[in-house]
Every structure is written in C-alpha cells, then in structure tokens.
Amino acid sequence: MSKRLTDGNTKATFVPAISSITAPTVAELTDASIVVLENTVTDDGLKVDFDEGTVAGNVLASTQDFESPGRSKAQIELTYYRDSTTSADRMWSVMTRGTQGFLVVRRGVTADTAYAASQKVEVYQVTCGERRPLAPERESYEKVTLKLYASGTYNLESTVA
C-alpha cells in the first residue's frame, strides 16, 4: 500500500467567485483576484472539521436504538503568518470580516503544481470571520487565526473543469 504524503502536497486558495462548486474552472482558480494560501498558512494551520447531527430512528417494537446521519456543518479555521510587506500580506488585506468567497483545497498533488482540468478539489462557500492576531511567542513569526464560516453549500469531490 502506498500512502499519500501531506508535506508539500496540499494547495489551498481563496477564490472570490466560482460559478459551479462541483466544477470550478482553471480560470476561476487562477484569476488575479485569488489569494494563494499554501505559502502563508502554517503547516498545521489548515483545519477543516465537520460537525454532524444525528437523526433518531427508534421504533416502538424494538429494544435497540437506531440512528442516521443528520445535517453536517463544515468548521474551518486557518492559522497563518503575517508578511512584513503590504503587497505580500494578501490574507490580511483581502480576507477581512464579512468577505465572501470560496476556499478551494487540493490534496495529494505537489502544491506548486498549477490547477488543471480533471483534478479533484474540495470547495467550501465561506464568509470570513474576524482576524485574530495570536499572542507573541519567543522565536516565532507573527501569526493570525481566521475562522471561515460555511455560508453555503460545499462539495468534497469537485472536479476542476
């Protein structure tokens, strides 16, 4: 069995507009207005979790409990480094509270490989929360945490068109 390595093999992009979350286009994912995240987000700073509700399906005739998956909710948080040059500090300047867009994540392909048709990506429609500067640490760079609120549909198996 050959396991997929995560080091250097995750690409993340904030995209202002996508017409179809199931089939984002290469043009949308590479537009000048995107924010490239993989060179700013810390190596452990891409956190995508899911909270799932439970639907009870108990019946009177049974002595057992039954359940099914209910609604799911994406919970996304990014931790990133600030940059000392304004032009390179795009996460800070673009992804401000209330900014809407899409988080696109591609896994299993070298991060410096450009988006291409037929690649699998995750697409989350999000609204940016408040940027939260983290406490200073000894021998560290300035870091910020940003919560992205799932504000629309998401798809974990989108195919780049």
Protein backbone atom coordinates (compact mmCIF):
# COMPACT_ATOMS: atom_id res chain seq x y z
CA MET A 1 0.00 0.00 0.00
CA SER A 2 1.31 3.44 -0.91
CA LYS A 3 0.23 6.20 1.46
CA ARG A 4 -0.23 9.79 0.28
CA LEU A 5 2.23 12.23 1.79
CA THR A 6 0.83 15.55 3.04
CA ASP A 7 4.12 17.50 3.25
CA GLY A 8 4.20 19.86 0.27
CA ASN A 9 1.17 18.18 -1.30
CA THR A 10 -1.67 20.46 -0.25
CA LYS A 11 -2.77 23.52 -2.22
CA ALA A 12 -5.28 25.99 -0.76
CA THR A 13 -6.77 29.03 -2.48
CA PHE A 14 -9.33 31.69 -1.55
CA VAL A 15 -11.39 32.39 -4.66
CA PRO A 16 -13.83 35.35 -4.77
CA ALA A 17 -16.23 33.80 -7.31
CA ILE A 18 -16.99 30.30 -8.59
CA SER A 19 -19.95 29.63 -10.87
CA SER A 20 -20.25 25.90 -10.07
CA ILE A 21 -18.87 24.40 -6.86
CA THR A 22 -18.91 20.94 -8.42
CA ALA A 23 -16.84 22.09 -11.42
CA PRO A 24 -14.70 25.17 -10.72
CA THR A 25 -12.75 26.24 -13.79
CA VAL A 26 -8.99 26.66 -14.08
CA ALA A 27 -9.64 30.32 -14.99
CA GLU A 28 -11.58 30.88 -11.73
CA LEU A 29 -8.88 29.15 -9.65
CA THR A 30 -6.04 31.18 -11.19
CA ASP A 31 -7.69 34.60 -11.61
CA ALA A 32 -5.66 37.63 -10.46
CA SER A 33 -8.14 38.21 -7.60
CA ILE A 34 -7.45 34.89 -5.83
CA VAL A 35 -5.41 34.61 -2.63
CA VAL A 36 -2.80 31.82 -2.64
CA LEU A 37 -2.82 30.34 0.86
CA GLU A 38 -0.36 27.43 0.93
CA ASN A 39 2.71 29.66 1.29
CA THR A 40 1.20 31.70 4.14
CA VAL A 41 -0.83 29.16 6.18
CA THR A 42 1.26 27.33 8.80
CA ASP A 43 2.00 23.65 8.21
CA ASP A 44 -0.68 22.71 10.74
CA GLY A 45 -2.92 25.73 10.14
CA LEU A 46 -5.49 24.33 7.70
CA LYS A 47 -8.22 22.89 9.89
CA VAL A 48 -11.35 21.59 8.20
CA ASP A 49 -13.63 19.69 10.57
CA PHE A 50 -17.23 18.59 10.34
CA ASP A 51 -19.95 18.54 12.94
CA GLU A 52 -22.72 16.09 12.15
CA GLY A 53 -26.15 15.91 13.68
CA THR A 54 -27.94 12.67 14.48
CA VAL A 55 -31.44 11.65 13.46
CA ALA A 56 -33.04 9.20 15.89
CA GLY A 57 -34.95 6.37 14.23
CA ASN A 58 -36.24 4.44 17.23
CA VAL A 59 -39.37 2.36 16.86
CA LEU A 60 -41.79 1.13 19.49
CA ALA A 61 -41.28 -2.57 18.68
CA SER A 62 -37.51 -2.56 19.15
CA THR A 63 -35.28 -2.84 22.20
CA GLN A 64 -32.44 -1.18 20.29
CA ASP A 65 -31.78 2.41 19.28
CA PHE A 66 -31.27 3.36 15.64
CA GLU A 67 -29.88 6.50 14.13
CA SER A 68 -28.88 8.08 10.85
CA PRO A 69 -26.58 10.94 9.96
CA GLY A 70 -28.29 14.32 10.14
CA ARG A 71 -27.15 17.70 8.92
CA SER A 72 -23.44 18.33 8.57
CA LYS A 73 -21.60 21.58 9.14
CA ALA A 74 -18.09 22.47 7.98
CA GLN A 75 -15.94 24.17 10.61
CA ILE A 76 -12.90 25.84 9.04
CA GLU A 77 -10.05 27.69 10.68
CA LEU A 78 -6.81 28.95 9.16
CA THR A 79 -3.66 29.94 11.06
CA TYR A 80 -1.25 31.98 9.01
CA TYR A 81 1.84 34.17 9.13
CA ARG A 82 1.70 37.93 8.56
CA ASP A 83 4.11 39.31 5.97
CA SER A 84 6.16 42.45 6.53
CA THR A 85 5.41 43.76 3.02
CA THR A 86 1.92 45.03 2.31
CA SER A 87 1.74 43.57 -1.21
CA ALA A 88 2.57 40.06 0.08
CA ASP A 89 0.21 40.27 3.09
CA ARG A 90 -2.85 39.38 0.99
CA MET A 91 -4.57 37.12 3.53
CA TRP A 92 -4.60 40.03 5.98
CA SER A 93 -5.71 42.67 3.47
CA VAL A 94 -8.23 40.64 1.43
CA MET A 95 -9.75 38.11 3.84
CA THR A 96 -11.40 40.55 6.25
CA ARG A 97 -14.56 40.10 8.35
CA GLY A 98 -17.60 39.65 6.13
CA THR A 99 -15.67 38.90 2.92
CA GLN A 100 -17.40 36.13 1.00
CA GLY A 101 -15.80 33.66 -1.35
CA PHE A 102 -14.72 30.05 -1.70
CA LEU A 103 -11.98 28.03 -0.04
CA VAL A 104 -10.59 25.52 -2.51
CA VAL A 105 -8.33 22.72 -1.22
CA ARG A 106 -6.47 20.23 -3.37
CA ARG A 107 -4.73 17.32 -1.65
CA GLY A 108 -2.25 14.72 -2.88
CA VAL A 109 -0.61 16.79 -5.63
CA THR A 110 2.53 18.89 -5.19
CA ALA A 111 1.48 22.36 -4.02
CA ASP A 112 3.46 24.13 -6.74
CA THR A 113 1.63 22.20 -9.49
CA ALA A 114 -0.87 24.52 -11.15
CA TYR A 115 -4.58 23.72 -11.11
CA ALA A 116 -5.56 21.65 -14.15
CA ALA A 117 -8.72 20.12 -15.58
CA SER A 118 -9.85 16.80 -14.03
CA GLN A 119 -8.09 17.38 -10.68
CA LYS A 120 -10.18 16.66 -7.58
CA VAL A 121 -10.68 19.56 -5.15
CA GLU A 122 -12.76 20.44 -2.12
CA VAL A 123 -14.84 23.63 -2.50
CA TYR A 124 -16.36 25.43 0.50
CA GLN A 125 -18.52 28.54 0.17
CA VAL A 126 -17.40 30.72 3.09
CA THR A 127 -17.63 34.07 4.81
CA CYS A 128 -14.55 35.32 6.64
CA GLY A 129 -14.80 36.00 10.36
CA GLU A 130 -12.73 38.39 12.45
CA ARG A 131 -8.94 38.09 12.10
CA ARG A 132 -7.46 37.17 15.49
CA PRO A 133 -3.77 38.00 15.99
CA LEU A 134 -2.17 35.39 18.25
CA ALA A 135 -0.09 36.21 21.28
CA PRO A 136 3.58 36.84 20.53
CA GLU A 137 5.85 33.85 21.08
CA ARG A 138 9.56 33.60 21.63
CA GLU A 139 11.50 32.74 18.47
CA SER A 140 8.46 32.87 16.22
CA TYR A 141 6.82 34.90 13.49
CA GLU A 142 3.63 36.91 13.90
CA LYS A 143 0.60 34.63 13.43
CA VAL A 144 -3.13 35.18 12.93
CA THR A 145 -6.10 32.81 13.19
CA LEU A 146 -9.08 33.26 10.90
CA LYS A 147 -12.37 31.40 11.12
CA LEU A 148 -14.18 30.79 7.85
CA TYR A 149 -17.92 30.31 8.25
CA ALA A 150 -19.61 27.83 5.93
CA SER A 151 -22.14 30.20 4.37
CA GLY A 152 -23.32 27.99 1.52
CA THR A 153 -23.05 24.57 0.01
CA TYR A 154 -19.74 22.72 -0.02
CA ASN A 155 -18.51 19.78 -2.07
CA LEU A 156 -15.69 17.42 -1.11
CA GLU A 157 -15.40 15.78 -4.55
CA SER A 158 -15.43 18.63 -7.07
CA THR A 159 -13.63 18.22 -10.39
CA VAL A 160 -11.74 21.11 -11.94
CA ALA A 161 -13.19 21.93 -15.38
